[in-house]
Structure formats: structure tokens, C-alpha cells
Amino acid sequence: MLLLSFALVLLAAVLVSALANRTILSTAALFLVAGFLLGEDTTGVLHLSAGSPIVAQLAELALFAVLFTDGMRVGWADLRSAWRLPGRALGWGLPLTLLATALLAHYVAGLDWPESLLIGAILAPTDPVFAAALVGNDKVPARLRHLLNVESGVNDGLALPFVVVLLAVAAGSDDLHLGELGTELAVGLLIGVLVPLAAIGLARTRWFAASAAYAPLNGVAIGLLVLALGKVTHGNLFLAAFTAGITVATFGPRTRAAFEHLGENVAELLKLAALLVFGALISPAFLGEISWTGWVFAVLAIVVARPVALWISFLRSGLGMREQAAAMWFGPKGFASVVYGLLVLESGIAAGDEVFHLVALTIVISILAHSSTDVLVARAFDDARETPAWHGALHRIRRAGRPATVPRPRAERPADHDDATTGGLAGDAPQGQASAK
């Protein structure tokens, strides 16, 4: 039934995908709502619970695939040359978001400080796949897209140590296992670097060569090796995935180019499947168990915690107000928060169920809010000549209410004034300008 449900919803998503690309309709929200409607406590079509193995496995695979493909979008040279803004978002924005969310959890939701800090660490990571219209829009400034992409790829791994340590604190453990945590991160980093280097090096020798048909599978093989070795050695899978993607982008541009399209499709399928399963965990009864203070916390965690943290982080950064506002708003909660929330549920801590309810509610609201507003915000970066006619009409109505100004003599106007504002024909412009329009 899960496979049948996924296939039907996927077909529906494909059929409306063109409409979703230019409206507030979101394929991510479609899968989430479908899962909600098909869940065991709603219609009973899907029999899934938070303890079902497929829930954690799908969320983990989806996050791994997304991080692997995200890492491939930037090489080490790109990270070094454009690290200033992502560095601010990670160095200041991440801990400030954690603290702001913890304050809200303690004073609004009423959690104790260990659980409040834990939920802050769980909800601090971001996921740009729910803001695809912004990150994938070439009209959006490259530095903003780079900022959101790098930040979301790195902050999942950076938040994990905080989650593990705070989970141990919330459980009342005297041993925080810091040595094991450091080893896990180091092993994940090594796997993410050495496996792609070995695979790319072998492909460049004179003894081996990949055919055109099999070239895209080189990236698949690297990803599967990193995933398997991470599982066997207990390395950090998410840090390994992102590091492997960066290593491929840096040392194997041909491998990246061959794998890029396939990799994005695989990551998208896993992401949508995980959303369907996650949506099935949410039901009217589940939402009814959350107090009104929990709902207030979830909303404030989205509209206050990250915006305030990013506003402080980007003070005197030189980032334009429109770009800064987009970065502040687009901090959607995604697969990392789902995986970390499931870890809390499986840990057996006293407040685990309450923490998971708050995390799940925040993720649901975030997906619905961010995935349905990415197109609208992306349009703010469109060229003025490509905006809809109704936008121009509204602009003229606003200007009609302002005091009239005396026009300058024609000789004092800019040379291109006629074409820009008086409706001059495109044919009057030079050929290059006409084709650009």
C-alpha cells in the first residue's frame, strides 16, 4: 500500500509540477498532505508509526542523498572564495537560532532547560529543498543562492554534536561520550574525502574507463560506498555525504557533470517518499495532543528565532536588504530535523514524546509555509521588464496618489528614457538590446 500510494501521489505531482513551478502550489506540501490523509489515524490506508523502521530509514536516506547532491554543487575553491556570508550564517546564525529556539521552548512551551536546548539544536538546521524556486532560480543573486545552499549543507552536520550531547544531558547521563562523538565526526570526514578520491583516481588510470552509458553510475557507486562504509564504521553519515559531494565537485568535474541530473532525481524521489511517510505520522489526534502553547512555540520558532538570529549575523555584512530578508525567512526545517526528532523519540527520555510532537508540528508548518512562498519571494528578484502586467498597474495606482512633479525638458532626460518609460518600440533599440528583451 505504501508503494501504491507513493506511485499515485508521484503521478499527481508530475502532472501538476509545471503549475507548481509558477504558483504557490508545492509538490513537497502535496506529499505531506497526502501522507496526512492516508495515515493510520486518518483514513487508515497506511499503517505507519514513529517506531516503524522504514520511517527512520527513509528519512536518513533522503537526508544523505540531499547532502551528497548539495555538496556536488560547490567545490572547495567555491567554498574558499565565497565563504564570508555562509560563515556568518553558520558561525553566528546557527548558535543564535539554537539559543532563540531554546528560549521560546522554555518560556513559551514550558520545557525544562535540557529539553529546550535539545529542541533548539534539532530545529536549528535548515533545508533549502523546500525553497527550490529560490535556490534554483538564476535570477536570484548567486551569492544568496550560494549562502542558502552551503549553509543548509553544512549546518546539518554541525548541529549533530549538539543534539547528541544535549540528548545525553536530557537523559541524565554522566558520560557525554565526547570522545566517541569526535571519532564519529572524524571517520565521517575521512570517508567523505578518501572514497571519492580513490574512485576518481581509478577512473583516470589507463586500465579503466567508463562508457557514456555507465558514467552517471560512478556518482551512484561513490555515494553507496560512502553510505555503506559510514554504516559499517559508525562514521557520521551526513558529514560524510556532504564532504563526498564537495570532493567529487573539486577533483572530479566530469563525474559531477555525468551524475548531476541523475543524482538530483534520486534525491528528489527519496525526499518525496520520506515526506509521504512523515505526513502519515501526523493525524488530527496527534495534532490535538499539542497544547496551544506548543502551537505558539512552533509559529514563533519559524517567524522569530531564525529571522532575529540571521539579522544579527548579517549586521554590517554588505548584504542587501532584499537578499537579507529572503535569507532570514527561508530557514525551512527538513530531513535533518526529522531524523534528529526520531532519535529523541527512540532515546526513551521522559520528555521525548513532547519534544517530538513540537518538532513534528514545527516541521509541518515550516514545509507548508516555506514551500508555498518560495515562488513569491523569488519573483521579487525578477527583471522589471518581465513582471506581470497587474504588477505594473498596481505600481501606477500607487504613483497616482503621489504629488505630481514637473517633468524635465526632453534634452535633460537620459538617452534611454523613451524605451524605458514611454512605451518606445523594441524595434527602435539596437539589435542586441531587442534580443535581450
Protein backbone atom coordinates (compact mmCIF):
# COMPACT_ATOMS: atom_id res chain seq x y z
CA MET A 1 0.00 0.00 0.00
CA LEU A 2 2.89 2.36 0.68
CA LEU A 3 4.32 1.71 -2.79
CA LEU A 4 0.91 2.11 -4.44
CA SER A 5 0.23 5.34 -2.53
CA PHE A 6 3.63 6.76 -3.42
CA ALA A 7 3.20 5.90 -7.11
CA LEU A 8 -0.23 7.57 -7.30
CA VAL A 9 0.87 10.71 -5.48
CA LEU A 10 4.04 10.86 -7.59
CA LEU A 11 1.95 10.72 -10.77
CA ALA A 12 -0.24 13.53 -9.45
CA ALA A 13 2.86 15.57 -8.57
CA VAL A 14 4.30 15.10 -12.07
CA LEU A 15 1.03 16.21 -13.68
CA VAL A 16 0.88 19.45 -11.64
CA SER A 17 4.64 20.13 -11.48
CA ALA A 18 4.57 22.79 -14.23
CA LEU A 19 1.83 24.64 -12.37
CA ALA A 20 3.71 24.27 -9.08
CA ASN A 21 6.81 25.93 -10.57
CA ARG A 22 4.97 29.21 -11.11
CA THR A 23 2.37 29.24 -8.31
CA ILE A 24 2.23 28.72 -4.55
CA LEU A 25 1.33 25.07 -5.15
CA SER A 26 4.11 22.86 -3.80
CA THR A 27 4.88 19.24 -4.62
CA ALA A 28 6.51 18.88 -1.17
CA ALA A 29 3.30 20.05 0.50
CA LEU A 30 1.32 17.70 -1.77
CA PHE A 31 3.19 14.64 -0.45
CA LEU A 32 2.96 15.85 3.13
CA VAL A 33 -0.81 16.39 2.90
CA ALA A 34 -1.26 13.07 1.07
CA GLY A 35 0.59 11.27 3.85
CA PHE A 36 -1.59 13.02 6.42
CA LEU A 37 -4.78 11.91 4.64
CA LEU A 38 -3.58 8.32 4.17
CA GLY A 39 -2.19 7.88 7.70
CA GLU A 40 -3.35 5.18 10.08
CA ASP A 41 -5.23 7.57 12.38
CA THR A 42 -6.89 9.43 9.48
CA THR A 43 -8.11 7.04 6.77
CA GLY A 44 -6.01 4.02 7.77
CA VAL A 45 -4.63 3.35 4.31
CA LEU A 46 -1.01 3.41 5.54
CA HIS A 47 -0.16 1.61 8.77
CA LEU A 48 2.89 3.50 9.97
CA SER A 49 4.07 4.75 13.33
CA ALA A 50 7.10 6.70 14.50
CA GLY A 51 8.67 3.40 15.58
CA SER A 52 8.34 1.79 12.14
CA PRO A 53 11.82 1.04 10.76
CA ILE A 54 11.00 2.44 7.32
CA VAL A 55 10.34 5.88 8.80
CA ALA A 56 13.84 6.40 10.14
CA GLN A 57 15.47 4.61 7.19
CA LEU A 58 13.74 6.73 4.56
CA ALA A 59 14.44 9.97 6.42
CA GLU A 60 18.11 9.02 6.79
CA LEU A 61 18.48 8.01 3.11
CA ALA A 62 16.73 11.15 1.92
CA LEU A 63 18.94 13.41 4.02
CA PHE A 64 22.07 11.55 2.86
CA ALA A 65 21.10 11.89 -0.82
CA VAL A 66 20.21 15.58 -0.46
CA LEU A 67 23.51 16.38 1.29
CA PHE A 68 25.51 14.40 -1.28
CA THR A 69 23.97 16.27 -4.21
CA ASP A 70 24.18 19.60 -2.34
CA GLY A 71 27.89 19.07 -1.80
CA MET A 72 28.37 18.47 -5.52
CA ARG A 73 27.05 21.94 -6.31
CA VAL A 74 30.10 23.57 -4.75
CA GLY A 75 33.77 22.68 -4.91
CA TRP A 76 36.45 23.56 -2.39
CA ALA A 77 37.52 26.56 -4.47
CA ASP A 78 33.96 27.89 -4.41
CA LEU A 79 33.77 27.47 -0.64
CA ARG A 80 37.05 29.30 -0.09
CA SER A 81 36.22 32.17 -2.42
CA ALA A 82 32.68 32.76 -1.13
CA TRP A 83 32.76 31.68 2.49
CA ARG A 84 32.19 35.07 4.16
CA LEU A 85 28.37 35.06 4.15
CA PRO A 86 27.89 31.31 4.82
CA GLY A 87 30.47 31.67 7.59
CA ARG A 88 28.35 34.35 9.25
CA ALA A 89 25.22 32.20 8.92
CA LEU A 90 26.96 29.16 10.41
CA GLY A 91 29.26 30.81 12.95
CA TRP A 92 26.69 33.23 14.34
CA GLY A 93 23.31 32.29 12.88
CA LEU A 94 23.31 28.62 13.87
CA PRO A 95 24.11 29.04 17.61
CA LEU A 96 21.88 32.13 17.86
CA THR A 97 19.00 30.23 16.26
CA LEU A 98 19.60 27.37 18.71
CA LEU A 99 19.52 29.74 21.69
CA ALA A 100 16.49 31.71 20.46
CA THR A 101 14.54 28.48 19.86
CA ALA A 102 15.57 27.17 23.30
CA LEU A 103 14.33 30.38 24.96
CA LEU A 104 10.98 30.02 23.21
CA ALA A 105 10.75 26.32 24.16
CA HIS A 106 11.42 27.13 27.82
CA TYR A 107 9.32 30.27 28.30
CA VAL A 108 6.50 29.54 25.82
CA ALA A 109 6.22 25.74 25.61
CA GLY A 110 7.28 25.22 29.26
CA LEU A 111 10.06 22.67 28.68
CA ASP A 112 12.96 22.29 31.10
CA TRP A 113 16.28 23.76 30.01
CA PRO A 114 17.93 20.48 28.86
CA GLU A 115 14.94 19.65 26.63
CA SER A 116 14.68 23.27 25.49
CA LEU A 117 18.30 23.34 24.36
CA LEU A 118 17.82 19.93 22.74
CA ILE A 119 14.84 21.08 20.67
CA GLY A 120 16.82 24.20 19.75
CA ALA A 121 19.60 22.01 18.34
CA ILE A 122 17.10 19.82 16.47
CA LEU A 123 15.35 22.76 14.79
CA ALA A 124 18.45 24.86 14.07
CA PRO A 125 19.42 23.13 10.75
CA THR A 126 17.79 24.34 7.54
CA ASP A 127 16.85 22.63 4.29
CA PRO A 128 16.65 24.58 1.01
CA VAL A 129 14.83 21.82 -0.89
CA PHE A 130 11.59 23.38 0.35
CA ALA A 131 12.67 26.70 -1.16
CA ALA A 132 13.62 25.26 -4.53
CA ALA A 133 12.17 28.14 -6.54
CA LEU A 134 14.58 30.48 -4.78
CA VAL A 135 17.72 28.35 -4.70
CA GLY A 136 17.26 27.13 -8.27
CA ASN A 137 16.32 30.50 -9.81
CA ASP A 138 19.14 32.03 -11.85
CA LYS A 139 17.61 35.48 -11.42
CA VAL A 140 18.18 35.31 -7.68
CA PRO A 141 21.65 36.70 -6.84
CA ALA A 142 24.27 33.96 -6.92
CA ARG A 143 25.65 34.90 -3.51
CA LEU A 144 22.20 34.41 -1.91
CA ARG A 145 21.73 31.01 -3.56
CA HIS A 146 25.28 30.05 -2.55
CA LEU A 147 24.65 31.23 1.01
CA LEU A 148 21.47 29.16 1.46
CA ASN A 149 22.94 26.10 -0.25
CA VAL A 150 26.23 25.98 1.68
CA GLU A 151 24.61 26.87 5.00
CA SER A 152 21.98 24.14 4.73
CA GLY A 153 24.52 21.56 3.63
CA VAL A 154 26.92 22.20 6.50
CA ASN A 155 24.60 23.02 9.39
CA ASP A 156 23.07 19.52 9.50
CA GLY A 157 26.44 18.02 10.45
CA LEU A 158 27.32 20.92 12.75
CA ALA A 159 24.07 20.54 14.70
CA LEU A 160 24.53 16.80 15.23
CA PRO A 161 27.16 17.07 18.02
CA PHE A 162 24.87 19.43 19.93
CA VAL A 163 21.95 17.02 19.52
CA VAL A 164 23.97 14.03 20.78
CA VAL A 165 25.44 15.88 23.76
CA LEU A 166 22.17 17.54 24.77
CA LEU A 167 20.33 14.24 24.37
CA ALA A 168 22.75 12.70 26.87
CA VAL A 169 22.22 15.66 29.23
CA ALA A 170 18.43 15.35 28.94
CA ALA A 171 18.71 11.63 29.72
CA GLY A 172 20.66 12.46 32.88
CA SER A 173 23.79 10.64 31.70
CA ASP A 174 27.08 11.42 33.42
CA ASP A 175 29.07 10.33 30.36
CA LEU A 176 28.54 12.63 27.36
CA HIS A 177 30.62 10.36 25.09
CA LEU A 178 32.56 13.29 23.64
CA GLY A 179 35.40 11.01 22.56
CA GLU A 180 33.05 8.76 20.61
CA LEU A 181 31.40 11.78 19.04
CA GLY A 182 34.73 13.20 17.90
CA THR A 183 35.70 9.85 16.43
CA GLU A 184 32.38 9.59 14.60
CA LEU A 185 32.84 13.01 13.00
CA ALA A 186 36.47 12.33 12.06
CA VAL A 187 35.63 8.97 10.49
CA GLY A 188 32.79 10.50 8.51
CA LEU A 189 35.10 13.24 7.24
CA LEU A 190 37.79 10.74 6.18
CA ILE A 191 35.29 8.51 4.37
CA GLY A 192 33.85 11.52 2.57
CA VAL A 193 37.29 12.50 1.27
CA LEU A 194 39.08 9.18 0.65
CA VAL A 195 36.32 7.21 -1.10
CA PRO A 196 35.67 9.78 -3.87
CA LEU A 197 39.41 10.39 -4.34
CA ALA A 198 40.04 6.66 -4.79
CA ALA A 199 37.14 6.22 -7.22
CA ILE A 200 38.08 9.27 -9.30
CA GLY A 201 41.74 8.26 -9.32
CA LEU A 202 40.92 4.76 -10.59
CA ALA A 203 38.72 6.19 -13.35
CA ARG A 204 41.65 8.29 -14.58
CA THR A 205 44.11 5.42 -14.93
CA ARG A 206 44.80 3.86 -18.30
CA TRP A 207 43.46 0.49 -17.12
CA PHE A 208 39.91 1.70 -16.53
CA ALA A 209 37.41 3.79 -18.47
CA ALA A 210 33.67 4.32 -18.03
CA SER A 211 31.36 4.19 -21.03
CA ALA A 212 28.95 7.04 -21.66
CA ALA A 213 26.04 4.89 -20.51
CA TYR A 214 27.73 3.96 -17.21
CA ALA A 215 29.38 7.32 -16.44
CA PRO A 216 26.41 8.60 -14.35
CA LEU A 217 26.61 5.46 -12.21
CA ASN A 218 30.07 6.41 -10.98
CA GLY A 219 28.46 9.00 -8.71
CA VAL A 220 25.92 6.41 -7.56
CA ALA A 221 28.72 3.95 -6.72
CA ILE A 222 30.64 6.62 -4.77
CA GLY A 223 27.52 7.57 -2.80
CA LEU A 224 26.66 3.97 -1.98
CA LEU A 225 30.24 3.23 -0.88
CA VAL A 226 30.29 6.26 1.39
CA LEU A 227 26.91 5.26 2.86
CA ALA A 228 27.93 1.62 3.40
CA LEU A 229 31.31 2.43 4.93
CA GLY A 230 29.70 5.05 7.16
CA LYS A 231 27.26 2.45 8.42
CA VAL A 232 29.95 -0.19 9.00
CA THR A 233 32.39 2.15 10.76
CA HIS A 234 29.71 4.20 12.58
CA GLY A 235 31.00 7.39 11.00
CA ASN A 236 28.83 10.47 10.70
CA LEU A 237 26.78 9.74 7.57
CA PHE A 238 25.68 13.30 6.96
CA LEU A 239 29.11 14.87 7.25
CA ALA A 240 30.47 12.07 5.05
CA ALA A 241 27.77 12.72 2.42
CA PHE A 242 28.38 16.45 2.17
CA THR A 243 32.16 16.04 2.24
CA ALA A 244 31.98 13.40 -0.51
CA GLY A 245 29.91 15.72 -2.68
CA ILE A 246 32.41 18.54 -2.26
CA THR A 247 35.32 16.18 -3.00
CA VAL A 248 33.68 14.99 -6.23
CA ALA A 249 32.96 18.59 -7.29
CA THR A 250 36.56 19.60 -6.55
CA PHE A 251 38.52 16.70 -8.05
CA GLY A 252 36.05 15.06 -10.46
CA PRO A 253 34.18 17.68 -12.50
CA ARG A 254 33.41 15.09 -15.19
CA THR A 255 31.94 12.73 -12.61
CA ARG A 256 29.84 15.55 -11.22
CA ALA A 257 28.58 16.58 -14.67
CA ALA A 258 27.64 13.00 -15.57
CA PHE A 259 25.91 12.32 -12.25
CA GLU A 260 24.24 15.69 -11.67
CA HIS A 261 20.89 15.09 -13.37
CA LEU A 262 20.51 11.51 -12.13
CA GLY A 263 21.58 12.46 -8.61
CA GLU A 264 19.04 15.26 -8.34
CA ASN A 265 16.25 12.95 -9.48
CA VAL A 266 17.22 10.23 -7.00
CA ALA A 267 17.42 12.75 -4.16
CA GLU A 268 14.04 14.17 -5.15
CA LEU A 269 12.39 10.73 -5.14
CA LEU A 270 13.79 9.86 -1.71
CA LYS A 271 12.79 13.26 -0.36
CA LEU A 272 9.20 12.91 -1.58
CA ALA A 273 8.92 9.34 -0.24
CA ALA A 274 10.17 10.48 3.16
CA LEU A 275 7.66 13.33 3.16
CA LEU A 276 4.80 10.92 2.43
CA VAL A 277 5.88 8.68 5.30
CA PHE A 278 6.40 11.61 7.66
CA GLY A 279 2.98 13.01 6.77
CA ALA A 280 1.43 9.65 7.65
CA LEU A 281 2.69 10.06 11.22
CA ILE A 282 0.69 13.26 11.61
CA SER A 283 -3.03 12.93 12.36
CA PRO A 284 -5.81 15.05 13.87
CA ALA A 285 -5.35 13.15 17.12
CA PHE A 286 -1.59 13.77 17.01
CA LEU A 287 -2.10 17.49 16.47
CA GLY A 288 -4.81 17.58 19.13
CA GLU A 289 -2.33 16.34 21.74
CA ILE A 290 -0.31 19.57 21.36
CA SER A 291 -1.33 22.39 23.70
CA TRP A 292 -1.96 25.92 22.43
CA THR A 293 1.39 26.99 23.86
CA GLY A 294 3.01 24.36 21.65
CA TRP A 295 1.35 25.87 18.57
CA VAL A 296 2.53 29.32 19.58
CA PHE A 297 6.05 27.98 20.04
CA ALA A 298 6.05 26.35 16.59
CA VAL A 299 4.99 29.57 14.87
CA LEU A 300 7.47 31.71 16.79
CA ALA A 301 10.29 29.24 16.11
CA ILE A 302 9.76 29.93 12.40
CA VAL A 303 8.92 33.62 12.26
CA VAL A 304 11.11 34.88 15.13
CA ALA A 305 14.04 32.59 16.02
CA ARG A 306 15.88 32.36 12.68
CA PRO A 307 14.96 35.85 11.37
CA VAL A 308 16.32 37.51 14.52
CA ALA A 309 19.43 35.29 14.54
CA LEU A 310 20.19 35.99 10.86
CA TRP A 311 19.51 39.72 11.26
CA ILE A 312 22.15 39.89 13.98
CA SER A 313 24.54 37.69 11.98
CA PHE A 314 24.39 39.89 8.86
CA LEU A 315 24.82 43.26 10.55
CA ARG A 316 27.33 45.31 8.52
CA SER A 317 27.83 42.39 6.14
CA GLY A 318 27.07 44.36 2.99
CA LEU A 319 24.20 42.03 2.10
CA GLY A 320 21.28 43.92 0.50
CA MET A 321 18.07 44.26 2.48
CA ARG A 322 16.05 42.21 -0.03
CA GLU A 323 18.63 39.40 -0.01
CA GLN A 324 18.91 39.54 3.76
CA ALA A 325 15.13 39.32 4.18
CA ALA A 326 15.00 36.28 1.88
CA ALA A 327 17.79 34.55 3.84
CA MET A 328 16.10 35.36 7.15
CA TRP A 329 12.76 33.92 6.03
CA PHE A 330 13.98 30.83 4.22
CA GLY A 331 15.15 28.71 7.09
CA PRO A 332 12.86 25.72 6.46
CA LYS A 333 13.08 22.69 8.69
CA GLY A 334 13.66 19.46 6.81
CA PHE A 335 15.07 15.97 6.94
CA ALA A 336 17.80 16.65 9.47
CA SER A 337 15.21 17.81 11.99
CA VAL A 338 13.03 14.78 11.18
CA VAL A 339 15.94 12.38 11.74
CA TYR A 340 17.05 14.10 14.94
CA GLY A 341 13.46 14.15 16.21
CA LEU A 342 13.18 10.40 15.64
CA LEU A 343 16.44 9.92 17.56
CA VAL A 344 14.88 11.69 20.53
CA LEU A 345 11.76 9.53 20.29
CA GLU A 346 13.87 6.36 20.26
CA SER A 347 16.05 7.53 23.17
CA GLY A 348 13.34 6.99 25.75
CA ILE A 349 13.88 10.25 27.65
CA ALA A 350 10.98 11.39 29.82
CA ALA A 351 10.02 14.35 27.63
CA GLY A 352 10.81 12.57 24.35
CA ASP A 353 7.20 12.35 23.16
CA GLU A 354 6.53 16.03 23.89
CA VAL A 355 9.72 17.10 22.14
CA PHE A 356 8.86 15.01 19.08
CA HIS A 357 5.35 16.49 18.91
CA LEU A 358 6.75 20.03 18.95
CA VAL A 359 9.43 19.17 16.38
CA ALA A 360 6.91 17.50 14.06
CA LEU A 361 4.48 20.41 14.29
CA THR A 362 7.22 22.95 13.55
CA ILE A 363 8.42 20.94 10.54
CA VAL A 364 4.88 20.66 9.14
CA ILE A 365 4.21 24.39 9.47
CA SER A 366 7.64 25.15 8.00
CA ILE A 367 7.13 22.93 4.95
CA LEU A 368 3.71 24.41 4.24
CA ALA A 369 4.84 28.00 4.78
CA HIS A 370 8.22 27.95 3.04
CA SER A 371 7.41 25.69 0.10
CA SER A 372 4.36 27.81 -0.76
CA THR A 373 6.14 31.17 -0.58
CA ASP A 374 9.40 30.41 -2.40
CA VAL A 375 7.94 31.33 -5.81
CA LEU A 376 6.52 34.59 -4.47
CA VAL A 377 9.81 35.68 -2.92
CA ALA A 378 11.78 34.59 -5.99
CA ARG A 379 9.62 36.89 -8.12
CA ALA A 380 10.96 39.86 -6.17
CA PHE A 381 14.27 39.28 -7.95
CA ASP A 382 12.74 39.16 -11.46
CA ASP A 383 13.74 41.74 -14.04
CA ALA A 384 11.27 44.63 -14.09
CA ARG A 385 10.62 44.05 -17.78
CA GLU A 386 9.40 40.51 -17.03
CA THR A 387 6.95 41.31 -14.24
CA PRO A 388 3.23 40.68 -14.88
CA ALA A 389 1.01 43.46 -16.22
CA TRP A 390 -1.02 43.58 -12.99
CA HIS A 391 2.15 44.43 -11.06
CA GLY A 392 2.73 47.47 -13.28
CA ALA A 393 -0.90 48.54 -12.85
CA LEU A 394 -0.58 48.46 -9.08
CA HIS A 395 2.65 50.45 -9.32
CA ARG A 396 0.90 53.12 -11.43
CA ILE A 397 -2.01 53.29 -8.97
CA ARG A 398 0.40 53.89 -6.10
CA ARG A 399 2.22 56.57 -8.04
CA ALA A 400 -1.08 58.29 -8.93
CA GLY A 401 -1.58 59.16 -5.28
CA ARG A 402 1.76 60.98 -5.06
CA PRO A 403 2.17 64.74 -5.80
CA ALA A 404 2.87 65.47 -9.45
CA THR A 405 6.39 66.53 -10.40
CA VAL A 406 7.36 68.90 -13.16
CA PRO A 407 8.96 66.90 -15.99
CA ARG A 408 12.43 67.83 -17.09
CA PRO A 409 12.96 69.12 -20.61
CA ARG A 410 13.45 66.32 -23.11
CA ALA A 411 17.10 67.23 -23.61
CA GLU A 412 17.80 66.62 -19.91
CA ARG A 413 16.33 63.14 -19.83
CA PRO A 414 18.56 60.04 -20.02
CA ALA A 415 19.15 58.81 -23.55
CA ASP A 416 17.26 55.55 -22.95
CA HIS A 417 14.31 57.19 -21.20
CA ASP A 418 11.91 56.74 -24.13
CA ASP A 419 12.34 52.97 -24.34
CA ALA A 420 12.22 52.50 -20.57
CA THR A 421 9.17 54.56 -19.62
CA THR A 422 7.22 55.96 -22.57
CA GLY A 423 6.49 52.75 -24.36
CA GLY A 424 9.09 53.06 -27.14
CA LEU A 425 9.10 50.16 -29.59
CA ALA A 426 11.63 47.40 -29.05
CA GLY A 427 12.44 47.68 -32.69
CA ASP A 428 13.86 51.18 -32.11
CA ALA A 429 16.59 49.70 -29.94
CA PRO A 430 19.80 48.20 -31.28
CA GLN A 431 19.55 44.58 -32.29
CA GLY A 432 21.39 43.25 -29.22
CA GLN A 433 19.10 45.06 -26.82
CA ALA A 434 15.99 43.87 -28.61
CA SER A 435 17.07 40.25 -28.39
CA ALA A 436 17.88 40.65 -24.68
CA LYS A 437 14.38 41.92 -24.01
